[in-house]
PDB file of N, CA and C in Angstrom:
ATOM      1  N   MET A   1      61.381  33.337-139.468  1.00  0.00           N
ATOM      2  CA  MET A   1      61.331  34.439-138.439  1.00  0.00           C
ATOM      3  C   MET A   1      62.802  34.542-137.783  1.00  0.00           C
ATOM      4  N   ARG A   2      63.207  35.846-137.612  1.00  0.00           N
ATOM      5  CA  ARG A   2      64.549  36.117-137.078  1.00  0.00           C
ATOM      6  C   ARG A   2      64.397  35.804-135.554  1.00  0.00           C
ATOM      7  N   THR A   3      65.556  35.254-135.059  1.00  0.00           N
ATOM      8  CA  THR A   3      65.684  35.127-133.649  1.00  0.00           C
ATOM      9  C   THR A   3      66.359  36.280-133.054  1.00  0.00           C
ATOM     10  N   LEU A   4      65.751  36.899-132.175  1.00  0.00           N
ATOM     11  CA  LEU A   4      66.318  38.110-131.515  1.00  0.00           C
ATOM     12  C   LEU A   4      67.004  37.704-130.170  1.00  0.00           C
ATOM     13  N   SER A   5      67.961  38.549-129.799  1.00  0.00           N
ATOM     14  CA  SER A   5      68.518  38.458-128.398  1.00  0.00           C
ATOM     15  C   SER A   5      68.686  39.792-127.913  1.00  0.00           C
ATOM     16  N   SER A   6      68.832  39.749-126.534  1.00  0.00           N
ATOM     17  CA  SER A   6      68.961  41.020-125.942  1.00  0.00           C
ATOM     18  C   SER A   6      70.318  41.841-126.325  1.00  0.00           C
ATOM     19  N   SER A   7      71.318  41.006-126.887  1.00  0.00           N
ATOM     20  CA  SER A   7      72.446  41.581-127.452  1.00  0.00           C
ATOM     21  C   SER A   7      72.194  42.552-128.619  1.00  0.00           C
ATOM     22  N   SER A   8      70.928  42.426-129.220  1.00  0.00           N
ATOM     23  CA  SER A   8      70.552  43.175-130.390  1.00  0.00           C
ATOM     24  C   SER A   8      70.151  44.537-129.822  1.00  0.00           C
ATOM     25  N   VAL A   9      69.918  44.743-128.597  1.00  0.00           N
ATOM     26  CA  VAL A   9      69.432  45.957-128.011  1.00  0.00           C
ATOM     27  C   VAL A   9      70.539  46.711-127.398  1.00  0.00           C
ATOM     28  N   HIS A  10      70.531  48.055-127.564  1.00  0.00           N
ATOM     29  CA  HIS A  10      71.570  48.868-126.967  1.00  0.00           C
ATOM     30  C   HIS A  10      70.978  50.122-126.316  1.00  0.00           C
ATOM     31  N   ASP A  11      71.585  50.298-125.074  1.00  0.00           N
ATOM     32  CA  ASP A  11      71.215  51.480-124.325  1.00  0.00           C
ATOM     33  C   ASP A  11      71.734  52.759-125.015  1.00  0.00           C
ATOM     34  N   ASN A  12      70.956  53.698-125.153  1.00  0.00           N
ATOM     35  CA  ASN A  12      71.291  55.011-125.721  1.00  0.00           C
ATOM     36  C   ASN A  12      71.059  56.082-124.539  1.00  0.00           C
ATOM     37  N   PRO A  13      72.008  56.217-123.552  1.00  0.00           N
ATOM     38  CA  PRO A  13      71.837  56.997-122.423  1.00  0.00           C
ATOM     39  C   PRO A  13      71.552  58.526-122.776  1.00  0.00           C
ATOM     40  N   SER A  14      72.077  59.031-123.845  1.00  0.00           N
ATOM     41  CA  SER A  14      71.829  60.402-124.194  1.00  0.00           C
ATOM     42  C   SER A  14      70.326  60.643-124.572  1.00  0.00           C
ATOM     43  N   LYS A  15      69.692  59.580-125.004  1.00  0.00           N
ATOM     44  CA  LYS A  15      68.220  59.779-125.348  1.00  0.00           C
ATOM     45  C   LYS A  15      67.295  59.069-124.332  1.00  0.00           C
ATOM     46  N   HIS A  16      67.867  58.541-123.335  1.00  0.00           N
ATOM     47  CA  HIS A  16      67.154  57.816-122.183  1.00  0.00           C
ATOM     48  C   HIS A  16      66.265  56.701-122.732  1.00  0.00           C
ATOM     49  N   ARG A  17      66.833  55.828-123.525  1.00  0.00           N
ATOM     50  CA  ARG A  17      66.133  54.770-124.114  1.00  0.00           C
ATOM     51  C   ARG A  17      66.984  53.478-124.462  1.00  0.00           C
ATOM     52  N   PHE A  18      66.403  52.410-124.426  1.00  0.00           N
ATOM     53  CA  PHE A  18      67.057  51.157-125.058  1.00  0.00           C
ATOM     54  C   PHE A  18      66.446  51.071-126.430  1.00  0.00           C
ATOM     55  N   GLU A  19      67.300  50.708-127.397  1.00  0.00           N
ATOM     56  CA  GLU A  19      66.925  50.776-128.781  1.00  0.00           C
ATOM     57  C   GLU A  19      67.188  49.440-129.521  1.00  0.00           C
ATOM     58  N   TYR A  20      66.347  49.093-130.387  1.00  0.00           N
ATOM     59  CA  TYR A  20      66.566  47.945-131.255  1.00  0.00           C
ATOM     60  C   TYR A  20      66.225  48.492-132.659  1.00  0.00           C
ATOM     61  N   ALA A  21      67.212  48.308-133.599  1.00  0.00           N
ATOM     62  CA  ALA A  21      66.976  48.885-134.992  1.00  0.00           C
ATOM     63  C   ALA A  21      67.197  47.784-136.004  1.00  0.00           C
ATOM     64  N   LEU A  22      66.323  47.684-136.990  1.00  0.00           N
ATOM     65  CA  LEU A  22      66.335  46.743-138.045  1.00  0.00           C
ATOM     66  C   LEU A  22      65.668  47.333-139.321  1.00  0.00           C
ATOM     67  N   GLN A  23      66.233  47.160-140.457  1.00  0.00           N
ATOM     68  CA  GLN A  23      65.725  47.661-141.668  1.00  0.00           C
ATOM     69  C   GLN A  23      65.066  49.047-141.677  1.00  0.00           C
ATOM     70  N   GLY A  24      65.780  50.006-141.073  1.00  0.00           N
ATOM     71  CA  GLY A  24      65.288  51.332-140.951  1.00  0.00           C
ATOM     72  C   GLY A  24      64.286  51.649-139.866  1.00  0.00           C
ATOM     73  N   GLU A  25      63.906  50.664-139.221  1.00  0.00           N
ATOM     74  CA  GLU A  25      62.853  50.770-138.160  1.00  0.00           C
ATOM     75  C   GLU A  25      63.535  50.703-136.743  1.00  0.00           C
ATOM     76  N   ARG A  26      63.037  51.411-135.791  1.00  0.00           N
ATOM     77  CA  ARG A  26      63.638  51.563-134.452  1.00  0.00           C
ATOM     78  C   ARG A  26      62.541  51.369-133.393  1.00  0.00           C
ATOM     79  N   ALA A  27      62.745  50.208-132.605  1.00  0.00           N
ATOM     80  CA  ALA A  27      61.929  50.016-131.362  1.00  0.00           C
ATOM     81  C   ALA A  27      62.639  50.628-130.183  1.00  0.00           C
ATOM     82  N   VAL A  28      61.876  51.148-129.240  1.00  0.00           N
ATOM     83  CA  VAL A  28      62.543  51.783-128.058  1.00  0.00           C
ATOM     84  C   VAL A  28      61.807  51.514-126.875  1.00  0.00           C
ATOM     85  N   ALA A  29      62.504  51.420-125.722  1.00  0.00           N
ATOM     86  CA  ALA A  29      61.978  51.481-124.340  1.00  0.00           C
ATOM     87  C   ALA A  29      62.503  52.668-123.708  1.00  0.00           C
ATOM     88  N   ILE A  30      61.652  53.544-123.414  1.00  0.00           N
ATOM     89  CA  ILE A  30      62.033  54.946-122.840  1.00  0.00           C
ATOM     90  C   ILE A  30      62.078  54.834-121.341  1.00  0.00           C
ATOM     91  N   TYR A  31      63.042  55.399-120.777  1.00  0.00           N
ATOM     92  CA  TYR A  31      63.196  55.432-119.383  1.00  0.00           C
ATOM     93  C   TYR A  31      63.616  56.759-118.749  1.00  0.00           C
ATOM     94  N   THR A  32      63.409  56.978-117.482  1.00  0.00           N
ATOM     95  CA  THR A  32      64.066  58.119-116.752  1.00  0.00           C
ATOM     96  C   THR A  32      64.907  57.472-115.617  1.00  0.00           C
ATOM     97  N   LEU A  33      65.845  58.307-115.261  1.00  0.00           N
ATOM     98  CA  LEU A  33      66.930  57.736-114.263  1.00  0.00           C
ATOM     99  C   LEU A  33      66.964  58.865-113.181  1.00  0.00           C
ATOM    100  N   ALA A  34      66.695  58.497-111.985  1.00  0.00           N
ATOM    101  CA  ALA A  34      66.944  59.413-110.869  1.00  0.00           C
ATOM    102  C   ALA A  34      67.519  58.670-109.707  1.00  0.00           C
ATOM    103  N   GLY A  35      68.782  59.097-109.485  1.00  0.00           N
ATOM    104  CA  GLY A  35      69.538  58.450-108.421  1.00  0.00           C
ATOM    105  C   GLY A  35      69.729  56.937-108.802  1.00  0.00           C
ATOM    106  N   ASN A  36      69.332  56.068-107.825  1.00  0.00           N
ATOM    107  CA  ASN A  36      69.466  54.579-108.158  1.00  0.00           C
ATOM    108  C   ASN A  36      68.206  53.965-108.618  1.00  0.00           C
ATOM    109  N   VAL A  37      67.257  54.761-109.174  1.00  0.00           N
ATOM    110  CA  VAL A  37      65.982  54.227-109.658  1.00  0.00           C
ATOM    111  C   VAL A  37      65.811  54.546-111.163  1.00  0.00           C
ATOM    112  N   ILE A  38      65.524  53.445-111.863  1.00  0.00           N
ATOM    113  CA  ILE A  38      65.238  53.566-113.271  1.00  0.00           C
ATOM    114  C   ILE A  38      63.733  53.310-113.511  1.00  0.00           C
ATOM    115  N   THR A  39      63.004  54.254-114.187  1.00  0.00           N
ATOM    116  CA  THR A  39      61.616  54.077-114.387  1.00  0.00           C
ATOM    117  C   THR A  39      61.392  53.999-115.830  1.00  0.00           C
ATOM    118  N   PHE A  40      60.849  52.723-116.190  1.00  0.00           N
ATOM    119  CA  PHE A  40      60.571  52.398-117.665  1.00  0.00           C
ATOM    120  C   PHE A  40      59.112  53.098-117.882  1.00  0.00           C
ATOM    121  N   VAL A  41      59.146  54.009-118.766  1.00  0.00           N
ATOM    122  CA  VAL A  41      57.970  54.842-119.006  1.00  0.00           C
ATOM    123  C   VAL A  41      57.086  54.401-120.105  1.00  0.00           C
ATOM    124  N   HIS A  42      57.784  53.929-121.235  1.00  0.00           N
ATOM    125  CA  HIS A  42      56.935  53.558-122.488  1.00  0.00           C
ATOM    126  C   HIS A  42      57.801  52.703-123.437  1.00  0.00           C
ATOM    127  N   THR A  43      57.145  51.701-124.030  1.00  0.00           N
ATOM    128  CA  THR A  43      57.837  50.947-125.109  1.00  0.00           C
ATOM    129  C   THR A  43      57.046  51.171-126.316  1.00  0.00           C
ATOM    130  N   LEU A  44      57.837  51.400-127.450  1.00  0.00           N
ATOM    131  CA  LEU A  44      57.250  51.612-128.753  1.00  0.00           C
ATOM    132  C   LEU A  44      57.974  50.647-129.727  1.00  0.00           C
ATOM    133  N   VAL A  45      57.090  49.851-130.447  1.00  0.00           N
ATOM    134  CA  VAL A  45      57.573  48.940-131.405  1.00  0.00           C
ATOM    135  C   VAL A  45      56.843  49.243-132.748  1.00  0.00           C
ATOM    136  N   PRO A  46      57.565  49.654-133.744  1.00  0.00           N
ATOM    137  CA  PRO A  46      56.865  49.985-135.048  1.00  0.00           C
ATOM    138  C   PRO A  46      56.145  48.736-135.523  1.00  0.00           C
ATOM    139  N   GLU A  47      55.137  48.915-136.281  1.00  0.00           N
ATOM    140  CA  GLU A  47      54.302  47.862-136.820  1.00  0.00           C
ATOM    141  C   GLU A  47      55.138  46.823-137.571  1.00  0.00           C
ATOM    142  N   ALA A  48      56.167  47.316-138.337  1.00  0.00           N
ATOM    143  CA  ALA A  48      56.924  46.466-139.122  1.00  0.00           C
ATOM    144  C   ALA A  48      57.807  45.431-138.221  1.00  0.00           C
ATOM    145  N   LEU A  49      58.101  45.734-136.985  1.00  0.00           N
ATOM    146  CA  LEU A  49      58.834  44.864-136.084  1.00  0.00           C
ATOM    147  C   LEU A  49      57.966  44.198-135.086  1.00  0.00           C
ATOM    148  N   GLN A  50      56.667  44.328-135.190  1.00  0.00           N
ATOM    149  CA  GLN A  50      55.747  43.726-134.150  1.00  0.00           C
ATOM    150  C   GLN A  50      55.703  42.149-134.495  1.00  0.00           C
ATOM    151  N   GLY A  51      55.491  41.488-133.471  1.00  0.00           N
ATOM    152  CA  GLY A  51      55.286  39.860-133.537  1.00  0.00           C
ATOM    153  C   GLY A  51      56.543  39.189-133.674  1.00  0.00           C
ATOM    154  N   GLN A  52      57.644  39.797-133.437  1.00  0.00           N
ATOM    155  CA  GLN A  52      59.004  39.179-133.462  1.00  0.00           C
ATOM    156  C   GLN A  52      59.736  39.114-132.120  1.00  0.00           C
ATOM    157  N   GLY A  53      59.058  39.494-131.018  1.00  0.00           N
ATOM    158  CA  GLY A  53      59.617  39.415-129.763  1.00  0.00           C
ATOM    159  C   GLY A  53      60.524  40.577-129.434  1.00  0.00           C
ATOM    160  N   VAL A  54      60.353  41.624-130.221  1.00  0.00           N
ATOM    161  CA  VAL A  54      61.214  42.785-129.955  1.00  0.00           C
ATOM    162  C   VAL A  54      60.920  43.480-128.628  1.00  0.00           C
ATOM    163  N   ALA A  55      59.680  43.620-128.171  1.00  0.00           N
ATOM    164  CA  ALA A  55      59.384  44.217-126.919  1.00  0.00           C
ATOM    165  C   ALA A  55      59.936  43.383-125.765  1.00  0.00           C
ATOM    166  N   LYS A  56      59.889  42.135-125.867  1.00  0.00           N
ATOM    167  CA  LYS A  56      60.396  41.282-124.826  1.00  0.00           C
ATOM    168  C   LYS A  56      61.884  41.529-124.721  1.00  0.00           C
ATOM    169  N   GLN A  57      62.634  41.618-125.794  1.00  0.00           N
ATOM    170  CA  GLN A  57      64.098  41.761-125.744  1.00  0.00           C
ATOM    171  C   GLN A  57      64.415  43.097-125.245  1.00  0.00           C
ATOM    172  N   LEU A  58      63.591  44.166-125.452  1.00  0.00           N
ATOM    173  CA  LEU A  58      63.829  45.486-124.832  1.00  0.00           C
ATOM    174  C   LEU A  58      63.679  45.354-123.313  1.00  0.00           C
ATOM    175  N   VAL A  59      62.702  44.698-122.878  1.00  0.00           N
ATOM    176  CA  VAL A  59      62.449  44.440-121.425  1.00  0.00           C
ATOM    177  C   VAL A  59      63.680  43.662-120.869  1.00  0.00           C
ATOM    178  N   LEU A  60      63.971  42.566-121.454  1.00  0.00           N
ATOM    179  CA  LEU A  60      65.160  41.771-120.955  1.00  0.00           C
ATOM    180  C   LEU A  60      66.374  42.593-120.791  1.00  0.00           C
ATOM    181  N   ALA A  61      66.673  43.333-121.791  1.00  0.00           N
ATOM    182  CA  ALA A  61      67.903  44.264-121.876  1.00  0.00           C
ATOM    183  C   ALA A  61      67.828  45.357-120.836  1.00  0.00           C
ATOM    184  N   GLY A  62      66.659  45.858-120.705  1.00  0.00           N
ATOM    185  CA  GLY A  62      66.504  46.978-119.679  1.00  0.00           C
ATOM    186  C   GLY A  62      66.604  46.441-118.262  1.00  0.00           C
ATOM    187  N   LEU A  63      66.038  45.274-117.869  1.00  0.00           N
ATOM    188  CA  LEU A  63      66.150  44.692-116.647  1.00  0.00           C
ATOM    189  C   LEU A  63      67.535  44.203-116.392  1.00  0.00           C
ATOM    190  N   ALA A  64      68.120  43.541-117.382  1.00  0.00           N
ATOM    191  CA  ALA A  64      69.544  43.068-117.149  1.00  0.00           C
ATOM    192  C   ALA A  64      70.480  44.293-116.865  1.00  0.00           C
ATOM    193  N   SER A  65      70.301  45.447-117.631  1.00  0.00           N
ATOM    194  CA  SER A  65      71.068  46.596-117.296  1.00  0.00           C
ATOM    195  C   SER A  65      70.939  47.101-115.898  1.00  0.00           C
ATOM    196  N   ALA A  66      69.620  47.117-115.481  1.00  0.00           N
ATOM    197  CA  ALA A  66      69.218  47.645-114.174  1.00  0.00           C
ATOM    198  C   ALA A  66      69.922  46.696-113.070  1.00  0.00           C
ATOM    199  N   ARG A  67      69.891  45.469-113.345  1.00  0.00           N
ATOM    200  CA  ARG A  67      70.603  44.549-112.362  1.00  0.00           C
ATOM    201  C   ARG A  67      72.032  44.739-112.314  1.00  0.00           C
ATOM    202  N   GLU A  68      72.698  44.849-113.490  1.00  0.00           N
ATOM    203  CA  GLU A  68      74.161  45.037-113.519  1.00  0.00           C
ATOM    204  C   GLU A  68      74.558  46.268-112.830  1.00  0.00           C
ATOM    205  N   ARG A  69      73.694  47.382-113.024  1.00  0.00           N
ATOM    206  CA  ARG A  69      74.052  48.698-112.417  1.00  0.00           C
ATOM    207  C   ARG A  69      73.570  48.972-111.023  1.00  0.00           C
ATOM    208  N   GLY A  70      72.935  47.900-110.480  1.00  0.00           N
ATOM    209  CA  GLY A  70      72.427  48.021-109.096  1.00  0.00           C
ATOM    210  C   GLY A  70      71.308  49.021-108.938  1.00  0.00           C
ATOM    211  N   LEU A  71      70.411  49.096-110.080  1.00  0.00           N
ATOM    212  CA  LEU A  71      69.268  50.059-110.042  1.00  0.00           C
ATOM    213  C   LEU A  71      67.980  49.483-109.505  1.00  0.00           C
ATOM    214  N   ARG A  72      67.157  50.245-108.887  1.00  0.00           N
ATOM    215  CA  ARG A  72      65.803  49.726-108.566  1.00  0.00           C
ATOM    216  C   ARG A  72      64.922  50.119-109.720  1.00  0.00           C
ATOM    217  N   VAL A  73      63.838  49.343-109.976  1.00  0.00           N
ATOM    218  CA  VAL A  73      62.982  49.533-111.157  1.00  0.00           C
ATOM    219  C   VAL A  73      61.547  49.914-110.783  1.00  0.00           C
ATOM    220  N   ILE A  74      61.063  50.879-111.538  1.00  0.00           N
ATOM    221  CA  ILE A  74      59.580  51.240-111.467  1.00  0.00           C
ATOM    222  C   ILE A  74      59.135  50.950-112.923  1.00  0.00           C
ATOM    223  N   PRO A  75      58.265  49.935-113.022  1.00  0.00           N
ATOM    224  CA  PRO A  75      57.708  49.585-114.354  1.00  0.00           C
ATOM    225  C   PRO A  75      56.515  50.380-114.595  1.00  0.00           C
ATOM    226  N   GLN A  76      56.509  51.619-114.941  1.00  0.00           N
ATOM    227  CA  GLN A  76      55.291  52.407-115.368  1.00  0.00           C
ATOM    228  C   GLN A  76      54.734  51.898-116.719  1.00  0.00           C
ATOM    229  N   CYS A  77      55.703  51.537-117.580  1.00  0.00           N
ATOM    230  CA  CYS A  77      55.288  50.971-118.954  1.00  0.00           C
ATOM    231  C   CYS A  77      54.545  49.776-118.739  1.00  0.00           C
ATOM    232  N   PRO A  78      53.300  49.561-119.398  1.00  0.00           N
ATOM    233  CA  PRO A  78      52.515  48.364-119.266  1.00  0.00           C
ATOM    234  C   PRO A  78      53.260  47.037-119.774  1.00  0.00           C
ATOM    235  N   VAL A  79      54.161  47.189-120.754  1.00  0.00           N
ATOM    236  CA  VAL A  79      54.914  46.020-121.234  1.00  0.00           C
ATOM    237  C   VAL A  79      55.879  45.595-120.088  1.00  0.00           C
ATOM    238  N   PHE A  80      56.621  46.459-119.501  1.00  0.00           N
ATOM    239  CA  PHE A  80      57.572  46.141-118.405  1.00  0.00           C
ATOM    240  C   PHE A  80      56.761  45.612-117.187  1.00  0.00           C
ATOM    241  N   ALA A  81      55.654  46.155-116.973  1.00  0.00           N
ATOM    242  CA  ALA A  81      54.839  45.827-115.795  1.00  0.00           C
ATOM    243  C   ALA A  81      54.286  44.371-115.953  1.00  0.00           C
ATOM    244  N   ALA A  82      53.743  44.130-117.151  1.00  0.00           N
ATOM    245  CA  ALA A  82      53.226  42.716-117.405  1.00  0.00           C
ATOM    246  C   ALA A  82      54.271  41.647-117.346  1.00  0.00           C
ATOM    247  N   TYR A  83      55.453  41.996-117.889  1.00  0.00           N
ATOM    248  CA  TYR A  83      56.609  41.070-117.790  1.00  0.00           C
ATOM    249  C   TYR A  83      56.976  40.776-116.333  1.00  0.00           C
ATOM    250  N   MET A  84      57.125  41.826-115.578  1.00  0.00           N
ATOM    251  CA  MET A  84      57.747  41.747-114.241  1.00  0.00           C
ATOM    252  C   MET A  84      56.614  41.022-113.403  1.00  0.00           C
ATOM    253  N   ARG A  85      55.356  41.271-113.616  1.00  0.00           N
ATOM    254  CA  ARG A  85      54.273  40.642-112.832  1.00  0.00           C
ATOM    255  C   ARG A  85      54.253  39.129-113.097  1.00  0.00           C
ATOM    256  N   ALA A  86      54.632  38.728-114.352  1.00  0.00           N
ATOM    257  CA  ALA A  86      54.594  37.296-114.720  1.00  0.00           C
ATOM    258  C   ALA A  86      55.844  36.633-114.370  1.00  0.00           C
ATOM    259  N   HIS A  87      57.001  37.314-114.021  1.00  0.00           N
ATOM    260  CA  HIS A  87      58.225  36.776-113.698  1.00  0.00           C
ATOM    261  C   HIS A  87      58.742  37.157-112.297  1.00  0.00           C
ATOM    262  N   PRO A  88      58.384  36.452-111.278  1.00  0.00           N
ATOM    263  CA  PRO A  88      58.733  36.696-109.858  1.00  0.00           C
ATOM    264  C   PRO A  88      60.221  36.817-109.661  1.00  0.00           C
ATOM    265  N   GLU A  89      61.027  36.210-110.565  1.00  0.00           N
ATOM    266  CA  GLU A  89      62.533  36.322-110.505  1.00  0.00           C
ATOM    267  C   GLU A  89      63.014  37.748-110.629  1.00  0.00           C
ATOM    268  N   THR A  90      62.144  38.577-111.108  1.00  0.00           N
ATOM    269  CA  THR A  90      62.516  40.000-111.402  1.00  0.00           C
ATOM    270  C   THR A  90      62.085  40.913-110.229  1.00  0.00           C
ATOM    271  N   HIS A  91      61.287  40.324-109.252  1.00  0.00           N
ATOM    272  CA  HIS A  91      60.682  41.204-108.201  1.00  0.00           C
ATOM    273  C   HIS A  91      61.769  41.817-107.291  1.00  0.00           C
ATOM    274  N   ASP A  92      62.922  41.245-107.226  1.00  0.00           N
ATOM    275  CA  ASP A  92      63.952  41.744-106.373  1.00  0.00           C
ATOM    276  C   ASP A  92      64.464  43.157-106.945  1.00  0.00           C
ATOM    277  N   LEU A  93      64.243  43.369-108.134  1.00  0.00           N
ATOM    278  CA  LEU A  93      64.662  44.668-108.688  1.00  0.00           C
ATOM    279  C   LEU A  93      63.741  45.806-108.415  1.00  0.00           C
ATOM    280  N   LEU A  94      62.570  45.523-108.012  1.00  0.00           N
ATOM    281  CA  LEU A  94      61.482  46.560-107.873  1.00  0.00           C
ATOM    282  C   LEU A  94      61.748  47.577-106.726  1.00  0.00           C
ATOM    283  N   ALA A  95      61.596  48.853-107.054  1.00  0.00           N
ATOM    284  CA  ALA A  95      61.563  49.898-106.011  1.00  0.00           C
ATOM    285  C   ALA A  95      60.255  49.734-105.299  1.00  0.00           C
ATOM    286  N   ASP A  96      60.120  50.361-104.210  1.00  0.00           N
ATOM    287  CA  ASP A  96      58.856  50.334-103.472  1.00  0.00           C
ATOM    288  C   ASP A  96      57.658  50.822-104.354  1.00  0.00           C
ATOM    289  N   GLU A  97      57.833  51.803-105.140  1.00  0.00           N
ATOM    290  CA  GLU A  97      56.770  52.324-105.900  1.00  0.00           C
ATOM    291  C   GLU A  97      56.478  51.274-107.004  1.00  0.00           C
ATOM    292  N   GLY A  98      57.486  50.620-107.509  1.00  0.00           N
ATOM    293  CA  GLY A  98      57.153  49.465-108.472  1.00  0.00           C
ATOM    294  C   GLY A  98      56.359  48.400-107.856  1.00  0.00           C
ATOM    295  N   ARG A  99      56.695  48.021-106.653  1.00  0.00           N
ATOM    296  CA  ARG A  99      55.975  47.009-105.989  1.00  0.00           C
ATOM    297  C   ARG A  99      54.484  47.388-105.809  1.00  0.00           C
ATOM    298  N   THR A 100      54.265  48.663-105.525  1.00  0.00           N
ATOM    299  CA  THR A 100      52.945  49.190-105.407  1.00  0.00           C
ATOM    300  C   THR A 100      52.152  49.127-106.667  1.00  0.00           C
ATOM    301  N   LEU A 101      52.919  49.524-107.773  1.00  0.00           N
ATOM    302  CA  LEU A 101      52.333  49.419-109.126  1.00  0.00           C
ATOM    303  C   LEU A 101      51.856  48.032-109.495  1.00  0.00           C
ATOM    304  N   LEU A 102      52.567  47.104-109.155  1.00  0.00           N
ATOM    305  CA  LEU A 102      52.334  45.656-109.485  1.00  0.00           C
ATOM    306  C   LEU A 102      51.382  45.054-108.448  1.00  0.00           C
ATOM    307  N   GLY A 103      51.183  45.707-107.375  1.00  0.00           N
ATOM    308  CA  GLY A 103      50.338  45.169-106.357  1.00  0.00           C
ATOM    309  C   GLY A 103      50.802  44.011-105.597  1.00  0.00           C
ATOM    310  N   LEU A 104      52.140  44.201-105.327  1.00  0.00           N
ATOM    311  CA  LEU A 104      52.914  43.199-104.527  1.00  0.00           C
ATOM    312  C   LEU A 104      53.106  43.673-103.120  1.00  0.00           C
TER     313      LEU A 104
END
């Protein structure tokens, strides 16, 4: 099994998504950006890339980018929401709407 790292993930601002590509397949975490708030809307991982930790790496890269850029996060995407709910160290990134979504 390949070991993935968030360095394998790249932000594609023109398409509003973080991307991971391997063997002709592309996994994406789609976001919207408004002011200083990034909303993660949807994560798609093709069947061929599932079970390899790709979604987690998309989440880690997206959250690291938000932190580096000083953005607040709204995790509308269930993948981002589940990760952030399980990792209290990410709660400082949440916008008020994100806190409400997670029930915090």
